[in-house]
Amino acid sequence: MAEPPDGFRRMPGQRPRPVTQGIAAMIAAVAVLGGGLLANRLLSGEDDRRPPTPSPSPSKSAA
């Protein structure tokens, strides 16, 4: 088997951790996207509140 190029030799005692890097990348992506959505909501100035739902009134047939 041929030797890998100089820049691709693995350091002794260090193993790659692709799972840990993937989890860290997903956490970072969620933080960035969540922060962007929160900032958009705060800076847009639109009132995002839904109108209140009407309270149920007793029906005439139940009385």
N, C-alpha and C. Protein backbone atom coordinates (compact mmCIF):
# COMPACT_ATOMS: atom_id res chain seq x y z
N MET A 1 0.85 -1.18 0.00
CA MET A 1 0.00 0.00 0.00
C MET A 1 0.89 1.24 0.00
N ALA A 2 0.54 2.24 -0.76
CA ALA A 2 1.35 3.44 -0.90
C ALA A 2 1.20 4.33 0.33
N GLU A 3 2.26 5.06 0.61
CA GLU A 3 2.22 6.00 1.74
C GLU A 3 1.35 7.21 1.37
N PRO A 4 0.58 7.72 2.33
CA PRO A 4 -0.23 8.91 2.03
C PRO A 4 0.66 10.13 1.86
N PRO A 5 0.18 11.16 1.17
CA PRO A 5 0.97 12.40 1.03
C PRO A 5 1.32 12.98 2.39
N ASP A 6 2.31 13.85 2.39
CA ASP A 6 2.83 14.39 3.65
C ASP A 6 1.76 15.04 4.52
N GLY A 7 0.85 15.79 3.93
CA GLY A 7 -0.14 16.51 4.72
C GLY A 7 -1.24 15.64 5.28
N PHE A 8 -1.27 14.35 4.90
CA PHE A 8 -2.38 13.49 5.30
C PHE A 8 -1.97 12.38 6.26
N ARG A 9 -0.79 12.48 6.83
CA ARG A 9 -0.38 11.45 7.78
C ARG A 9 -1.08 11.69 9.12
N ARG A 10 -1.53 10.62 9.68
CA ARG A 10 -2.22 10.71 10.98
C ARG A 10 -1.17 10.83 12.09
N MET A 11 -1.44 11.74 13.00
CA MET A 11 -0.54 11.91 14.13
C MET A 11 -0.68 10.72 15.07
N PRO A 12 0.42 10.25 15.63
CA PRO A 12 0.31 9.10 16.53
C PRO A 12 -0.49 9.46 17.79
N GLY A 13 -1.40 8.58 18.15
CA GLY A 13 -2.18 8.78 19.37
C GLY A 13 -3.43 9.61 19.18
N GLN A 14 -3.64 10.17 18.01
CA GLN A 14 -4.83 10.98 17.76
C GLN A 14 -5.70 10.29 16.73
N ARG A 15 -6.96 10.07 17.09
CA ARG A 15 -7.90 9.46 16.16
C ARG A 15 -8.90 10.51 15.72
N PRO A 16 -9.36 10.44 14.49
CA PRO A 16 -10.38 11.39 14.05
C PRO A 16 -11.70 11.11 14.77
N ARG A 17 -12.46 12.13 15.04
CA ARG A 17 -13.74 11.99 15.74
C ARG A 17 -14.84 12.60 14.89
N PRO A 18 -15.26 11.91 13.82
CA PRO A 18 -16.27 12.50 12.93
C PRO A 18 -17.62 12.64 13.59
N VAL A 19 -17.98 11.75 14.52
CA VAL A 19 -19.29 11.84 15.17
C VAL A 19 -19.35 13.08 16.05
N THR A 20 -18.30 13.31 16.81
CA THR A 20 -18.26 14.48 17.68
C THR A 20 -18.28 15.76 16.87
N GLN A 21 -17.55 15.78 15.77
CA GLN A 21 -17.54 16.97 14.92
C GLN A 21 -18.91 17.20 14.29
N GLY A 22 -19.59 16.12 13.90
CA GLY A 22 -20.92 16.25 13.32
C GLY A 22 -21.94 16.78 14.31
N ILE A 23 -21.87 16.28 15.54
CA ILE A 23 -22.80 16.76 16.58
C ILE A 23 -22.53 18.22 16.89
N ALA A 24 -21.26 18.59 16.99
CA ALA A 24 -20.92 19.99 17.25
C ALA A 24 -21.39 20.89 16.11
N ALA A 25 -21.28 20.41 14.88
CA ALA A 25 -21.73 21.20 13.73
C ALA A 25 -23.24 21.36 13.74
N MET A 26 -23.98 20.31 14.12
CA MET A 26 -25.44 20.42 14.18
C MET A 26 -25.87 21.38 15.28
N ILE A 27 -25.22 21.33 16.43
CA ILE A 27 -25.56 22.26 17.52
C ILE A 27 -25.28 23.69 17.09
N ALA A 28 -24.16 23.91 16.42
CA ALA A 28 -23.83 25.25 15.94
C ALA A 28 -24.84 25.73 14.91
N ALA A 29 -25.28 24.84 14.02
CA ALA A 29 -26.26 25.23 13.01
C ALA A 29 -27.59 25.60 13.64
N VAL A 30 -28.02 24.83 14.63
CA VAL A 30 -29.28 25.14 15.31
C VAL A 30 -29.17 26.47 16.04
N ALA A 31 -28.04 26.73 16.66
CA ALA A 31 -27.86 27.99 17.38
C ALA A 31 -27.89 29.18 16.41
N VAL A 32 -27.22 29.04 15.27
CA VAL A 32 -27.18 30.14 14.30
C VAL A 32 -28.56 30.38 13.70
N LEU A 33 -29.23 29.31 13.29
CA LEU A 33 -30.56 29.48 12.69
C LEU A 33 -31.58 29.99 13.70
N GLY A 34 -31.53 29.46 14.91
CA GLY A 34 -32.46 29.93 15.94
C GLY A 34 -32.22 31.39 16.28
N GLY A 35 -30.96 31.77 16.38
CA GLY A 35 -30.65 33.17 16.65
C GLY A 35 -31.10 34.08 15.53
N GLY A 36 -30.96 33.62 14.30
CA GLY A 36 -31.41 34.42 13.16
C GLY A 36 -32.92 34.59 13.15
N LEU A 37 -33.65 33.51 13.45
CA LEU A 37 -35.11 33.61 13.49
C LEU A 37 -35.57 34.52 14.62
N LEU A 38 -34.93 34.41 15.76
CA LEU A 38 -35.29 35.27 16.89
C LEU A 38 -34.99 36.73 16.58
N ALA A 39 -33.85 36.99 15.99
CA ALA A 39 -33.51 38.37 15.62
C ALA A 39 -34.48 38.91 14.58
N ASN A 40 -34.87 38.09 13.64
CA ASN A 40 -35.83 38.52 12.62
C ASN A 40 -37.16 38.88 13.27
N ARG A 41 -37.59 38.07 14.19
CA ARG A 41 -38.87 38.35 14.86
C ARG A 41 -38.79 39.64 15.67
N LEU A 42 -37.66 39.85 16.35
CA LEU A 42 -37.54 41.03 17.19
C LEU A 42 -37.36 42.31 16.37
N LEU A 43 -36.67 42.20 15.25
CA LEU A 43 -36.37 43.39 14.45
C LEU A 43 -37.41 43.72 13.40
N SER A 44 -38.30 42.76 13.10
CA SER A 44 -39.26 43.00 12.02
C SER A 44 -40.32 44.02 12.42
N GLY A 45 -40.66 44.08 13.69
CA GLY A 45 -41.66 45.04 14.15
C GLY A 45 -43.08 44.61 13.91
N GLU A 46 -43.27 43.46 13.33
CA GLU A 46 -44.63 42.99 13.09
C GLU A 46 -45.18 42.39 14.37
N ASP A 47 -46.47 42.63 14.60
CA ASP A 47 -47.11 42.04 15.76
C ASP A 47 -47.52 40.62 15.40
N ASP A 48 -46.85 39.67 16.00
CA ASP A 48 -47.02 38.27 15.65
C ASP A 48 -48.13 37.59 16.44
N ARG A 49 -48.76 38.31 17.31
CA ARG A 49 -49.73 37.66 18.19
C ARG A 49 -50.99 37.29 17.45
N ARG A 50 -51.52 36.14 17.79
CA ARG A 50 -52.77 35.70 17.18
C ARG A 50 -53.93 36.35 17.90
N PRO A 51 -55.02 36.59 17.20
CA PRO A 51 -56.18 37.18 17.89
C PRO A 51 -56.71 36.20 18.93
N PRO A 52 -57.24 36.72 20.02
CA PRO A 52 -57.73 35.82 21.07
C PRO A 52 -58.91 34.99 20.56
N THR A 53 -58.95 33.77 21.00
CA THR A 53 -60.05 32.91 20.60
C THR A 53 -61.28 33.27 21.44
N PRO A 54 -62.43 33.29 20.84
CA PRO A 54 -63.64 33.65 21.61
C PRO A 54 -63.95 32.57 22.65
N SER A 55 -64.42 33.01 23.79
CA SER A 55 -64.75 32.04 24.83
C SER A 55 -66.05 31.34 24.45
N PRO A 56 -66.11 30.08 24.72
CA PRO A 56 -67.34 29.36 24.35
C PRO A 56 -68.53 29.84 25.18
N SER A 57 -69.60 30.14 24.49
CA SER A 57 -70.81 30.56 25.20
C SER A 57 -71.78 29.38 25.26
N PRO A 58 -72.56 29.33 26.30
CA PRO A 58 -73.50 28.21 26.39
C PRO A 58 -74.50 28.26 25.25
N SER A 59 -74.76 27.13 24.67
CA SER A 59 -75.70 27.07 23.56
C SER A 59 -77.13 27.18 24.08
N LYS A 60 -78.01 27.66 23.24
CA LYS A 60 -79.41 27.85 23.65
C LYS A 60 -80.12 26.51 23.79
N SER A 61 -79.67 25.51 23.06
CA SER A 61 -80.35 24.22 23.12
C SER A 61 -80.01 23.46 24.40
N ALA A 62 -78.88 23.81 25.06
CA ALA A 62 -78.48 23.10 26.27
C ALA A 62 -79.29 23.57 27.47
N ALA A 63 -79.89 24.75 27.42
CA ALA A 63 -80.60 25.28 28.57
C ALA A 63 -82.02 24.77 28.69
